[in-house]
Amino acid sequence: MRIVQFHDGDPAQPRVARVGADGRTLEVLAGNRGTWGFAEQAALRGRKLADLLAQTAVVDRVPYDAVWNEGRLLPPLSHPDPAHLLVTGTGLTHMGSAGARDSMHRKIAGDEAQLSDSMKMFRWGVEGGKPADGGPGSQPEWFYKGDGSCVVAPGAALSMPSFAQDGGEEPEICGLYIVAADGTPCRIGFALGNEFSDHVMERRNYLYLAHSKLRMCSFGPELLLGPLPAHVEGTSRVRRGDTLRWEKPFVSGEANMTHRIAGLEHHHFKYRMFRRPGDLHVHFFGTATLSFVDGVEVAPGDTFEIEAPAFGRKLVNPLARLVEDSVAIREL
């Protein structure tokens, strides 16, 4: 089952709809508390979210294209208080294509002491990210992106701040979670995501990674309920008007990763601060495909497209730049 969130004029009252079998119709479900409200009910009752949604009354059927064209789509998960939605991610988790695998294995071979810190961490993932005993494995690279205020809807602009040096796409899959009343993290499902980072800043020095990740992001438009396929194939594109500037396939899923999803989840939720009842989490799992690596310089007005058949409709976001006032600190 795949679902979306949209609004009928008031984004504060999100509606949930199942994507119809034809992929062109939205089956609108009763209620206006959004995915968060249904997930909260499912966690409280100890039920599968898909079962709860399957038994919820369909009150309307609307054309998917109409909701998209009218700008009424929302991220497939949101919280009434954005401070209670945390956006995080992991990196150095994907092997990529067969060619990328061979290249990375050559880079991490030999004396570990001669490797960069990034290559050391990647090697730890290759060697220990999927232990035979099924345990969580080695810790991945981890980063914080922001709270719900950094999330933009499918179709909305990803705006880089005035001080940014780059605003590049990162085609990823993200896991969506709610923390139950007893503190147990519950996975709601998975979505396509554009993690969107400042790659120029990060390349200057890897210690700038934390700064480079404090940017907007987008995910959806559809939320896939149930397990993530072991192998996911998709395509990432950058367009400028009618011109296709860059296009490249990407792969994800555990068959293409150095870590298990369960291991990445463990290393995030092992911190008690991330198990606060009622909170939502969006956790990006990483990628091995970037237009930046291929030398593409994006600019405001370009459009990012990320699609994978397993996730339904593609995620589209234009790039923009914010015009911001300087920050003034006031002494109290």
C-alpha atoms as a PDB file:
ATOM      1  CA  MET A   1       0.000   0.000   0.000  1.00  0.00           C
ATOM      2  CA  ARG A   2       1.157   3.510  -0.856  1.00  0.00           C
ATOM      3  CA  ILE A   3      -0.379   6.624   0.705  1.00  0.00           C
ATOM      4  CA  VAL A   4      -0.113  10.391   0.339  1.00  0.00           C
ATOM      5  CA  GLN A   5      -1.004  13.435   2.407  1.00  0.00           C
ATOM      6  CA  PHE A   6      -2.739  16.461   0.922  1.00  0.00           C
ATOM      7  CA  HIS A   7      -4.958  19.312   2.055  1.00  0.00           C
ATOM      8  CA  ASP A   8      -8.287  20.789   1.029  1.00  0.00           C
ATOM      9  CA  GLY A   9      -7.230  24.366   1.663  1.00  0.00           C
ATOM     10  CA  ASP A  10      -5.862  24.150   5.208  1.00  0.00           C
ATOM     11  CA  PRO A  11      -2.449  22.422   5.471  1.00  0.00           C
ATOM     12  CA  ALA A  12      -2.988  22.179   9.233  1.00  0.00           C
ATOM     13  CA  GLN A  13      -5.724  19.598   8.543  1.00  0.00           C
ATOM     14  CA  PRO A  14      -3.958  17.032   6.378  1.00  0.00           C
ATOM     15  CA  ARG A  15      -5.951  14.338   4.627  1.00  0.00           C
ATOM     16  CA  VAL A  16      -4.634  10.850   3.932  1.00  0.00           C
ATOM     17  CA  ALA A  17      -5.379   8.987   0.724  1.00  0.00           C
ATOM     18  CA  ARG A  18      -4.466   5.583  -0.604  1.00  0.00           C
ATOM     19  CA  VAL A  19      -3.008   5.590  -4.103  1.00  0.00           C
ATOM     20  CA  GLY A  20      -5.407   3.656  -6.315  1.00  0.00           C
ATOM     21  CA  ALA A  21      -4.383   0.618  -8.327  1.00  0.00           C
ATOM     22  CA  ASP A  22      -4.281   2.743 -11.493  1.00  0.00           C
ATOM     23  CA  GLY A  23      -1.785   5.158  -9.901  1.00  0.00           C
ATOM     24  CA  ARG A  24      -3.938   8.079 -11.035  1.00  0.00           C
ATOM     25  CA  THR A  25      -6.676   8.118  -8.399  1.00  0.00           C
ATOM     26  CA  LEU A  26      -6.471   9.009  -4.724  1.00  0.00           C
ATOM     27  CA  GLU A  27      -8.874   7.199  -2.390  1.00  0.00           C
ATOM     28  CA  VAL A  28      -9.441   9.738   0.365  1.00  0.00           C
ATOM     29  CA  LEU A  29      -9.818   8.281   3.864  1.00  0.00           C
ATOM     30  CA  ALA A  30     -12.002   9.593   6.677  1.00  0.00           C
ATOM     31  CA  GLY A  31     -10.267  11.914   9.142  1.00  0.00           C
ATOM     32  CA  ASN A  32      -8.102  15.044   9.032  1.00  0.00           C
ATOM     33  CA  ARG A  33      -5.225  14.302  11.426  1.00  0.00           C
ATOM     34  CA  GLY A  34      -2.981  13.000   8.682  1.00  0.00           C
ATOM     35  CA  THR A  35      -0.555  10.087   8.662  1.00  0.00           C
ATOM     36  CA  TRP A  36       0.608  11.074  12.133  1.00  0.00           C
ATOM     37  CA  GLY A  37      -2.879  10.569  13.542  1.00  0.00           C
ATOM     38  CA  PHE A  38      -3.316   7.145  11.953  1.00  0.00           C
ATOM     39  CA  ALA A  39       0.185   6.052  13.023  1.00  0.00           C
ATOM     40  CA  GLU A  40      -0.525   7.155  16.589  1.00  0.00           C
ATOM     41  CA  GLN A  41      -3.710   5.067  16.621  1.00  0.00           C
ATOM     42  CA  ALA A  42      -1.929   2.022  15.193  1.00  0.00           C
ATOM     43  CA  ALA A  43       0.895   2.267  17.737  1.00  0.00           C
ATOM     44  CA  LEU A  44      -1.560   2.710  20.610  1.00  0.00           C
ATOM     45  CA  ARG A  45      -3.650  -0.278  19.550  1.00  0.00           C
ATOM     46  CA  GLY A  46      -0.695  -2.489  18.610  1.00  0.00           C
ATOM     47  CA  ARG A  47      -1.960  -2.817  15.042  1.00  0.00           C
ATOM     48  CA  LYS A  48      -0.359  -2.708  11.610  1.00  0.00           C
ATOM     49  CA  LEU A  49      -0.897   0.687  10.010  1.00  0.00           C
ATOM     50  CA  ALA A  50      -1.784  -0.908   6.660  1.00  0.00           C
ATOM     51  CA  ASP A  51      -4.533  -2.936   8.322  1.00  0.00           C
ATOM     52  CA  LEU A  52      -5.937   0.151  10.027  1.00  0.00           C
ATOM     53  CA  LEU A  53      -5.965   2.120   6.779  1.00  0.00           C
ATOM     54  CA  ALA A  54      -7.508  -0.778   4.848  1.00  0.00           C
ATOM     55  CA  GLN A  55     -10.432  -0.737   7.289  1.00  0.00           C
ATOM     56  CA  THR A  56     -10.884   3.052   7.219  1.00  0.00           C
ATOM     57  CA  ALA A  57     -13.791   4.355   5.177  1.00  0.00           C
ATOM     58  CA  VAL A  58     -13.097   5.890   1.774  1.00  0.00           C
ATOM     59  CA  VAL A  59     -15.020   9.165   1.663  1.00  0.00           C
ATOM     60  CA  ASP A  60     -14.002  10.427  -1.768  1.00  0.00           C
ATOM     61  CA  ARG A  61     -11.980   9.643  -4.881  1.00  0.00           C
ATOM     62  CA  VAL A  62     -10.070  12.467  -6.555  1.00  0.00           C
ATOM     63  CA  PRO A  63      -7.698  12.690  -9.539  1.00  0.00           C
ATOM     64  CA  TYR A  64      -4.065  12.539  -8.410  1.00  0.00           C
ATOM     65  CA  ASP A  65      -3.027  15.023 -11.122  1.00  0.00           C
ATOM     66  CA  ALA A  66      -5.528  17.603  -9.881  1.00  0.00           C
ATOM     67  CA  VAL A  67      -4.110  17.519  -6.340  1.00  0.00           C
ATOM     68  CA  TRP A  68      -0.575  17.797  -7.742  1.00  0.00           C
ATOM     69  CA  ASN A  69      -1.344  20.596 -10.206  1.00  0.00           C
ATOM     70  CA  GLU A  70      -3.175  22.610  -7.547  1.00  0.00           C
ATOM     71  CA  GLY A  71      -0.180  22.403  -5.192  1.00  0.00           C
ATOM     72  CA  ARG A  72      -2.139  20.572  -2.488  1.00  0.00           C
ATOM     73  CA  LEU A  73       0.247  17.676  -1.917  1.00  0.00           C
ATOM     74  CA  LEU A  74       2.003  17.609   1.445  1.00  0.00           C
ATOM     75  CA  PRO A  75       4.952  15.540   2.653  1.00  0.00           C
ATOM     76  CA  PRO A  76       3.566  12.046   3.391  1.00  0.00           C
ATOM     77  CA  LEU A  77       4.372  12.505   7.089  1.00  0.00           C
ATOM     78  CA  SER A  78       4.175  15.646   9.221  1.00  0.00           C
ATOM     79  CA  HIS A  79       3.575  16.672  12.829  1.00  0.00           C
ATOM     80  CA  PRO A  80       1.265  19.469  14.048  1.00  0.00           C
ATOM     81  CA  ASP A  81       4.295  20.817  15.947  1.00  0.00           C
ATOM     82  CA  PRO A  82       7.316  20.756  13.570  1.00  0.00           C
ATOM     83  CA  ALA A  83       9.686  20.709  16.564  1.00  0.00           C
ATOM     84  CA  HIS A  84       8.540  17.123  17.193  1.00  0.00           C
ATOM     85  CA  LEU A  85       9.651  15.860  13.790  1.00  0.00           C
ATOM     86  CA  LEU A  86      13.402  15.191  13.648  1.00  0.00           C
ATOM     87  CA  VAL A  87      15.274  14.775  10.360  1.00  0.00           C
ATOM     88  CA  THR A  88      18.544  12.828  10.430  1.00  0.00           C
ATOM     89  CA  GLY A  89      20.571  10.556   8.192  1.00  0.00           C
ATOM     90  CA  THR A  90      23.490   8.236   7.642  1.00  0.00           C
ATOM     91  CA  GLY A  91      26.196   8.314   5.006  1.00  0.00           C
ATOM     92  CA  LEU A  92      28.886   6.051   3.525  1.00  0.00           C
ATOM     93  CA  THR A  93      26.318   3.252   3.429  1.00  0.00           C
ATOM     94  CA  HIS A  94      25.985   2.404  -0.288  1.00  0.00           C
ATOM     95  CA  MET A  95      28.179   0.475  -2.712  1.00  0.00           C
ATOM     96  CA  GLY A  96      26.385   1.751  -5.796  1.00  0.00           C
ATOM     97  CA  SER A  97      26.897   0.204  -9.219  1.00  0.00           C
ATOM     98  CA  ALA A  98      29.225  -2.706  -9.941  1.00  0.00           C
ATOM     99  CA  GLY A  99      31.837  -0.246 -11.217  1.00  0.00           C
ATOM    100  CA  ALA A 100      31.505   1.846  -8.069  1.00  0.00           C
ATOM    101  CA  ARG A 101      31.874  -1.306  -5.953  1.00  0.00           C
ATOM    102  CA  ASP A 102      35.152  -2.242  -7.651  1.00  0.00           C
ATOM    103  CA  SER A 103      36.449   1.309  -7.331  1.00  0.00           C
ATOM    104  CA  MET A 104      35.563   1.553  -3.631  1.00  0.00           C
ATOM    105  CA  HIS A 105      37.116  -1.837  -2.833  1.00  0.00           C
ATOM    106  CA  ARG A 106      40.380  -0.675  -4.423  1.00  0.00           C
ATOM    107  CA  LYS A 107      40.288   2.555  -2.420  1.00  0.00           C
ATOM    108  CA  ILE A 108      39.825   0.833   0.944  1.00  0.00           C
ATOM    109  CA  ALA A 109      42.325  -1.968   0.374  1.00  0.00           C
ATOM    110  CA  GLY A 110      45.699  -2.048   2.104  1.00  0.00           C
ATOM    111  CA  ASP A 111      46.917  -0.383   5.274  1.00  0.00           C
ATOM    112  CA  GLU A 112      44.014   1.211   7.169  1.00  0.00           C
ATOM    113  CA  ALA A 113      46.362   3.784   8.676  1.00  0.00           C
ATOM    114  CA  GLN A 114      46.852   5.246   5.185  1.00  0.00           C
ATOM    115  CA  LEU A 115      43.134   5.751   4.571  1.00  0.00           C
ATOM    116  CA  SER A 116      41.233   8.992   5.091  1.00  0.00           C
ATOM    117  CA  ASP A 117      38.749   9.045   7.944  1.00  0.00           C
ATOM    118  CA  SER A 118      35.882   8.727   5.461  1.00  0.00           C
ATOM    119  CA  MET A 119      37.431   5.700   3.761  1.00  0.00           C
ATOM    120  CA  LYS A 120      38.115   4.115   7.143  1.00  0.00           C
ATOM    121  CA  MET A 121      34.459   4.439   8.067  1.00  0.00           C
ATOM    122  CA  PHE A 122      33.365   3.085   4.713  1.00  0.00           C
ATOM    123  CA  ARG A 123      35.697   0.120   5.182  1.00  0.00           C
ATOM    124  CA  TRP A 124      34.272  -0.538   8.645  1.00  0.00           C
ATOM    125  CA  GLY A 125      30.848  -0.713   7.033  1.00  0.00           C
ATOM    126  CA  VAL A 126      32.006  -3.089   4.303  1.00  0.00           C
ATOM    127  CA  GLU A 127      33.700  -5.353   6.840  1.00  0.00           C
ATOM    128  CA  GLY A 128      31.282  -5.057   9.754  1.00  0.00           C
ATOM    129  CA  GLY A 129      28.028  -3.463   8.647  1.00  0.00           C
ATOM    130  CA  LYS A 130      26.255  -6.800   8.183  1.00  0.00           C
ATOM    131  CA  PRO A 131      27.630  -9.198  10.821  1.00  0.00           C
ATOM    132  CA  ALA A 132      26.818 -12.886  10.392  1.00  0.00           C
ATOM    133  CA  ASP A 133      25.137 -13.044  13.795  1.00  0.00           C
ATOM    134  CA  GLY A 134      22.482 -10.557  12.624  1.00  0.00           C
ATOM    135  CA  GLY A 135      23.565  -7.887  15.125  1.00  0.00           C
ATOM    136  CA  PRO A 136      23.450  -4.139  14.473  1.00  0.00           C
ATOM    137  CA  GLY A 137      26.977  -4.016  13.070  1.00  0.00           C
ATOM    138  CA  SER A 138      29.391  -1.100  12.956  1.00  0.00           C
ATOM    139  CA  GLN A 139      28.263   2.457  13.552  1.00  0.00           C
ATOM    140  CA  PRO A 140      27.651   4.457  10.357  1.00  0.00           C
ATOM    141  CA  GLU A 141      28.364   8.093   9.730  1.00  0.00           C
ATOM    142  CA  TRP A 142      25.433  10.017  11.236  1.00  0.00           C
ATOM    143  CA  PHE A 143      24.180  13.573  10.810  1.00  0.00           C
ATOM    144  CA  TYR A 144      21.360  15.885  11.875  1.00  0.00           C
ATOM    145  CA  LYS A 145      19.474  17.931   9.274  1.00  0.00           C
ATOM    146  CA  GLY A 146      16.869  19.754  11.320  1.00  0.00           C
ATOM    147  CA  ASP A 147      13.318  19.566  12.566  1.00  0.00           C
ATOM    148  CA  GLY A 148      10.080  19.590  10.600  1.00  0.00           C
ATOM    149  CA  SER A 149      10.640  23.187   9.539  1.00  0.00           C
ATOM    150  CA  CYS A 150      13.333  22.037   7.083  1.00  0.00           C
ATOM    151  CA  VAL A 151      10.930  19.766   5.176  1.00  0.00           C
ATOM    152  CA  VAL A 152       9.293  21.061   1.995  1.00  0.00           C
ATOM    153  CA  ALA A 153       6.422  19.436   0.141  1.00  0.00           C
ATOM    154  CA  PRO A 154       6.835  17.547  -3.130  1.00  0.00           C
ATOM    155  CA  GLY A 155       6.774  20.139  -5.890  1.00  0.00           C
ATOM    156  CA  ALA A 156       7.920  22.966  -3.589  1.00  0.00           C
ATOM    157  CA  ALA A 157      11.306  24.664  -3.911  1.00  0.00           C
ATOM    158  CA  LEU A 158      14.401  23.473  -2.119  1.00  0.00           C
ATOM    159  CA  SER A 159      15.942  26.795  -1.158  1.00  0.00           C
ATOM    160  CA  MET A 160      19.616  27.079  -0.304  1.00  0.00           C
ATOM    161  CA  PRO A 161      20.521  29.856   2.144  1.00  0.00           C
ATOM    162  CA  SER A 162      22.268  33.000   0.940  1.00  0.00           C
ATOM    163  CA  PHE A 163      25.591  31.820   2.402  1.00  0.00           C
ATOM    164  CA  ALA A 164      25.450  28.369   0.771  1.00  0.00           C
ATOM    165  CA  GLN A 165      28.120  27.405  -1.740  1.00  0.00           C
ATOM    166  CA  ASP A 166      26.032  24.701  -3.396  1.00  0.00           C
ATOM    167  CA  GLY A 167      22.597  23.134  -3.286  1.00  0.00           C
ATOM    168  CA  GLY A 168      22.843  19.669  -4.747  1.00  0.00           C
ATOM    169  CA  GLU A 169      20.456  16.738  -4.827  1.00  0.00           C
ATOM    170  CA  GLU A 170      20.932  13.461  -2.975  1.00  0.00           C
ATOM    171  CA  PRO A 171      18.535  10.746  -4.188  1.00  0.00           C
ATOM    172  CA  GLU A 172      17.843   8.540  -1.189  1.00  0.00           C
ATOM    173  CA  ILE A 173      15.331   6.370   0.581  1.00  0.00           C
ATOM    174  CA  CYS A 174      14.234   7.449   4.029  1.00  0.00           C
ATOM    175  CA  GLY A 175      12.556   5.604   6.849  1.00  0.00           C
ATOM    176  CA  LEU A 176       9.609   7.253   8.623  1.00  0.00           C
ATOM    177  CA  TYR A 177       8.913   6.531  12.297  1.00  0.00           C
ATOM    178  CA  ILE A 178       6.726   7.381  15.261  1.00  0.00           C
ATOM    179  CA  VAL A 179       7.742   6.802  18.873  1.00  0.00           C
ATOM    180  CA  ALA A 180       4.956   5.006  20.730  1.00  0.00           C
ATOM    181  CA  ALA A 181       3.692   6.018  24.186  1.00  0.00           C
ATOM    182  CA  ASP A 182       5.994   3.461  25.845  1.00  0.00           C
ATOM    183  CA  GLY A 183       9.075   4.847  24.054  1.00  0.00           C
ATOM    184  CA  THR A 184       9.242   2.150  21.362  1.00  0.00           C
ATOM    185  CA  PRO A 185      10.179   3.401  17.873  1.00  0.00           C
ATOM    186  CA  CYS A 186       7.689   2.157  15.276  1.00  0.00           C
ATOM    187  CA  ARG A 187       8.503   2.200  11.576  1.00  0.00           C
ATOM    188  CA  ILE A 188       5.650   3.692   9.566  1.00  0.00           C
ATOM    189  CA  GLY A 189       7.136   3.054   6.131  1.00  0.00           C
ATOM    190  CA  PHE A 190       9.599   4.285   3.518  1.00  0.00           C
ATOM    191  CA  ALA A 191       9.684   7.128   1.008  1.00  0.00           C
ATOM    192  CA  LEU A 192      11.858   8.520  -1.737  1.00  0.00           C
ATOM    193  CA  GLY A 193      13.807  11.521  -0.557  1.00  0.00           C
ATOM    194  CA  ASN A 194      15.984  14.372  -1.763  1.00  0.00           C
ATOM    195  CA  GLU A 195      18.354  14.913   1.130  1.00  0.00           C
ATOM    196  CA  PHE A 196      19.821  18.085  -0.487  1.00  0.00           C
ATOM    197  CA  SER A 197      23.220  19.198   0.780  1.00  0.00           C
ATOM    198  CA  ASP A 198      26.012  21.718   0.231  1.00  0.00           C
ATOM    199  CA  HIS A 199      28.626  19.513  -1.408  1.00  0.00           C
ATOM    200  CA  VAL A 200      31.091  22.332  -2.091  1.00  0.00           C
ATOM    201  CA  MET A 201      31.229  23.186   1.604  1.00  0.00           C
ATOM    202  CA  GLU A 202      31.597  19.535   2.583  1.00  0.00           C
ATOM    203  CA  ARG A 203      34.433  18.979   0.099  1.00  0.00           C
ATOM    204  CA  ARG A 204      36.436  21.880   1.522  1.00  0.00           C
ATOM    205  CA  ASN A 205      36.853  19.922   4.752  1.00  0.00           C
ATOM    206  CA  TYR A 206      34.957  16.875   6.000  1.00  0.00           C
ATOM    207  CA  LEU A 207      34.578  18.599   9.382  1.00  0.00           C
ATOM    208  CA  TYR A 208      32.154  20.920   7.584  1.00  0.00           C
ATOM    209  CA  LEU A 209      29.814  17.968   7.021  1.00  0.00           C
ATOM    210  CA  ALA A 210      27.589  19.057   9.917  1.00  0.00           C
ATOM    211  CA  HIS A 211      27.184  22.531   8.390  1.00  0.00           C
ATOM    212  CA  SER A 212      26.596  21.165   4.887  1.00  0.00           C
ATOM    213  CA  LYS A 213      23.653  19.058   6.069  1.00  0.00           C
ATOM    214  CA  LEU A 214      21.723  21.876   7.760  1.00  0.00           C
ATOM    215  CA  ARG A 215      19.583  22.442   4.701  1.00  0.00           C
ATOM    216  CA  MET A 216      16.039  21.825   3.528  1.00  0.00           C
ATOM    217  CA  CYS A 217      14.941  18.425   2.257  1.00  0.00           C
ATOM    218  CA  SER A 218      11.943  16.800   0.635  1.00  0.00           C
ATOM    219  CA  PHE A 219      10.494  13.303   0.611  1.00  0.00           C
ATOM    220  CA  GLY A 220       7.566  11.525  -0.964  1.00  0.00           C
ATOM    221  CA  PRO A 221       5.189  12.179  -2.543  1.00  0.00           C
ATOM    222  CA  GLU A 222       4.181   8.638  -1.605  1.00  0.00           C
ATOM    223  CA  LEU A 223       4.797   6.621   1.538  1.00  0.00           C
ATOM    224  CA  LEU A 224       5.344   2.895   1.001  1.00  0.00           C
ATOM    225  CA  LEU A 225       3.939   0.758   3.808  1.00  0.00           C
ATOM    226  CA  GLY A 226       5.536  -2.589   4.587  1.00  0.00           C
ATOM    227  CA  PRO A 227       9.113  -3.804   4.086  1.00  0.00           C
ATOM    228  CA  LEU A 228      11.630  -2.088   1.835  1.00  0.00           C
ATOM    229  CA  PRO A 229      12.510  -4.165  -1.262  1.00  0.00           C
ATOM    230  CA  ALA A 230      16.045  -5.564  -1.017  1.00  0.00           C
ATOM    231  CA  HIS A 231      16.877  -4.058  -4.411  1.00  0.00           C
ATOM    232  CA  VAL A 232      15.533  -0.674  -5.482  1.00  0.00           C
ATOM    233  CA  GLU A 233      16.322   0.873  -8.857  1.00  0.00           C
ATOM    234  CA  GLY A 234      15.647   4.478  -9.678  1.00  0.00           C
ATOM    235  CA  THR A 235      16.711   7.455 -11.758  1.00  0.00           C
ATOM    236  CA  SER A 236      17.888  10.902 -10.693  1.00  0.00           C
ATOM    237  CA  ARG A 237      17.746  13.887 -13.058  1.00  0.00           C
ATOM    238  CA  VAL A 238      18.558  17.576 -13.186  1.00  0.00           C
ATOM    239  CA  ARG A 239      16.626  19.712 -15.668  1.00  0.00           C
ATOM    240  CA  ARG A 240      16.968  23.334 -16.691  1.00  0.00           C
ATOM    241  CA  GLY A 241      13.747  24.326 -18.379  1.00  0.00           C
ATOM    242  CA  ASP A 242      13.184  21.836 -21.190  1.00  0.00           C
ATOM    243  CA  THR A 243      16.835  20.733 -21.179  1.00  0.00           C
ATOM    244  CA  LEU A 244      17.901  17.546 -19.449  1.00  0.00           C
ATOM    245  CA  ARG A 245      21.245  18.521 -17.917  1.00  0.00           C
ATOM    246  CA  TRP A 246      22.054  15.252 -16.155  1.00  0.00           C
ATOM    247  CA  GLU A 247      20.521  11.820 -15.689  1.00  0.00           C
ATOM    248  CA  LYS A 248      21.839   8.762 -13.893  1.00  0.00           C
ATOM    249  CA  PRO A 249      20.416   5.552 -12.437  1.00  0.00           C
ATOM    250  CA  PHE A 250      20.792   4.842  -8.746  1.00  0.00           C
ATOM    251  CA  VAL A 251      20.287   1.737  -6.646  1.00  0.00           C
ATOM    252  CA  SER A 252      19.384   1.279  -2.993  1.00  0.00           C
ATOM    253  CA  GLY A 253      17.950  -1.331  -0.676  1.00  0.00           C
ATOM    254  CA  GLU A 254      19.985  -3.672   1.501  1.00  0.00           C
ATOM    255  CA  ALA A 255      21.351  -5.621  -1.477  1.00  0.00           C
ATOM    256  CA  ASN A 256      23.247  -2.451  -2.445  1.00  0.00           C
ATOM    257  CA  MET A 257      24.185  -1.271   1.043  1.00  0.00           C
ATOM    258  CA  THR A 258      27.030  -2.000   3.441  1.00  0.00           C
ATOM    259  CA  HIS A 259      24.644  -1.916   6.412  1.00  0.00           C
ATOM    260  CA  ARG A 260      21.303  -3.480   7.222  1.00  0.00           C
ATOM    261  CA  ILE A 261      18.345  -1.124   7.665  1.00  0.00           C
ATOM    262  CA  ALA A 262      17.812  -2.604  11.139  1.00  0.00           C
ATOM    263  CA  GLY A 263      21.403  -1.754  12.033  1.00  0.00           C
ATOM    264  CA  LEU A 264      21.048   1.859  10.903  1.00  0.00           C
ATOM    265  CA  GLU A 265      17.825   2.128  12.886  1.00  0.00           C
ATOM    266  CA  HIS A 266      19.515   0.650  15.974  1.00  0.00           C
ATOM    267  CA  HIS A 267      22.372   3.147  15.875  1.00  0.00           C
ATOM    268  CA  HIS A 268      19.905   6.028  15.647  1.00  0.00           C
ATOM    269  CA  PHE A 269      17.343   4.983  18.216  1.00  0.00           C
ATOM    270  CA  LYS A 270      19.854   3.627  20.751  1.00  0.00           C
ATOM    271  CA  TYR A 271      20.031   7.218  22.015  1.00  0.00           C
ATOM    272  CA  ARG A 272      17.317   7.772  24.592  1.00  0.00           C
ATOM    273  CA  MET A 273      16.732  11.347  23.414  1.00  0.00           C
ATOM    274  CA  PHE A 274      15.395   9.926  20.149  1.00  0.00           C
ATOM    275  CA  ARG A 275      12.828   7.751  21.899  1.00  0.00           C
ATOM    276  CA  ARG A 276      10.585  10.530  23.193  1.00  0.00           C
ATOM    277  CA  PRO A 277       6.933   9.397  22.993  1.00  0.00           C
ATOM    278  CA  GLY A 278       4.941  11.113  20.275  1.00  0.00           C
ATOM    279  CA  ASP A 279       7.920  12.288  18.226  1.00  0.00           C
ATOM    280  CA  LEU A 280       8.240  11.579  14.514  1.00  0.00           C
ATOM    281  CA  HIS A 281      11.525  10.775  12.781  1.00  0.00           C
ATOM    282  CA  VAL A 282      12.596  10.932   9.140  1.00  0.00           C
ATOM    283  CA  HIS A 283      15.914   9.147   8.661  1.00  0.00           C
ATOM    284  CA  PHE A 284      17.778   9.226   5.328  1.00  0.00           C
ATOM    285  CA  PHE A 285      19.766   6.089   4.499  1.00  0.00           C
ATOM    286  CA  GLY A 286      22.365   7.495   2.088  1.00  0.00           C
ATOM    287  CA  THR A 287      23.221   7.328  -1.607  1.00  0.00           C
ATOM    288  CA  ALA A 288      26.076   6.642  -4.009  1.00  0.00           C
ATOM    289  CA  THR A 289      24.815   8.835  -6.884  1.00  0.00           C
ATOM    290  CA  LEU A 290      25.268  12.622  -7.095  1.00  0.00           C
ATOM    291  CA  SER A 291      25.315  15.040 -10.027  1.00  0.00           C
ATOM    292  CA  PHE A 292      27.983  16.995  -8.129  1.00  0.00           C
ATOM    293  CA  VAL A 293      30.415  14.072  -8.415  1.00  0.00           C
ATOM    294  CA  ASP A 294      29.961  14.211 -12.195  1.00  0.00           C
ATOM    295  CA  GLY A 295      30.895  17.891 -12.257  1.00  0.00           C
ATOM    296  CA  VAL A 296      27.382  19.319 -12.661  1.00  0.00           C
ATOM    297  CA  GLU A 297      26.970  22.823 -11.223  1.00  0.00           C
ATOM    298  CA  VAL A 298      23.330  23.457 -10.400  1.00  0.00           C
ATOM    299  CA  ALA A 299      21.731  26.892 -10.232  1.00  0.00           C
ATOM    300  CA  PRO A 300      18.448  28.400  -9.045  1.00  0.00           C
ATOM    301  CA  GLY A 301      15.744  27.505 -11.521  1.00  0.00           C
ATOM    302  CA  ASP A 302      17.051  23.987 -12.107  1.00  0.00           C
ATOM    303  CA  THR A 303      14.689  21.168 -11.178  1.00  0.00           C
ATOM    304  CA  PHE A 304      15.521  17.890  -9.446  1.00  0.00           C
ATOM    305  CA  GLU A 305      13.610  14.719 -10.285  1.00  0.00           C
ATOM    306  CA  ILE A 306      13.957  11.462  -8.372  1.00  0.00           C
ATOM    307  CA  GLU A 307      11.919   8.410  -9.254  1.00  0.00           C
ATOM    308  CA  ALA A 308      11.788   4.691  -8.543  1.00  0.00           C
ATOM    309  CA  PRO A 309       8.884   2.482  -9.664  1.00  0.00           C
ATOM    310  CA  ALA A 310       8.508   0.912  -6.203  1.00  0.00           C
ATOM    311  CA  PHE A 311       7.564   4.346  -4.797  1.00  0.00           C
ATOM    312  CA  GLY A 312       5.022   5.473  -7.372  1.00  0.00           C
ATOM    313  CA  ARG A 313       5.063   9.083  -8.554  1.00  0.00           C
ATOM    314  CA  LYS A 314       8.414  10.835  -8.860  1.00  0.00           C
ATOM    315  CA  LEU A 315       9.639  13.462  -6.400  1.00  0.00           C
ATOM    316  CA  VAL A 316      10.121  16.845  -8.095  1.00  0.00           C
ATOM    317  CA  ASN A 317      11.593  19.993  -6.531  1.00  0.00           C
ATOM    318  CA  PRO A 318      12.975  23.162  -8.133  1.00  0.00           C
ATOM    319  CA  LEU A 319      16.081  24.827  -6.715  1.00  0.00           C
ATOM    320  CA  ALA A 320      15.931  28.370  -5.324  1.00  0.00           C
ATOM    321  CA  ARG A 321      18.123  30.672  -3.253  1.00  0.00           C
ATOM    322  CA  LEU A 322      16.911  32.508  -0.175  1.00  0.00           C
ATOM    323  CA  VAL A 323      17.544  36.208   0.334  1.00  0.00           C
ATOM    324  CA  GLU A 324      18.151  36.568   4.030  1.00  0.00           C
ATOM    325  CA  ASP A 325      18.929  39.399   6.375  1.00  0.00           C
ATOM    326  CA  SER A 326      22.097  39.225   8.406  1.00  0.00           C
ATOM    327  CA  VAL A 327      21.744  37.757  11.882  1.00  0.00           C
ATOM    328  CA  ALA A 328      21.899  40.274  14.719  1.00  0.00           C
ATOM    329  CA  ILE A 329      22.476  39.006  18.244  1.00  0.00           C
ATOM    330  CA  ARG A 330      20.742  41.005  20.946  1.00  0.00           C
ATOM    331  CA  GLU A 331      22.198  41.080  24.445  1.00  0.00           C
ATOM    332  CA  LEU A 332      19.708  40.610  27.291  1.00  0.00           C
END
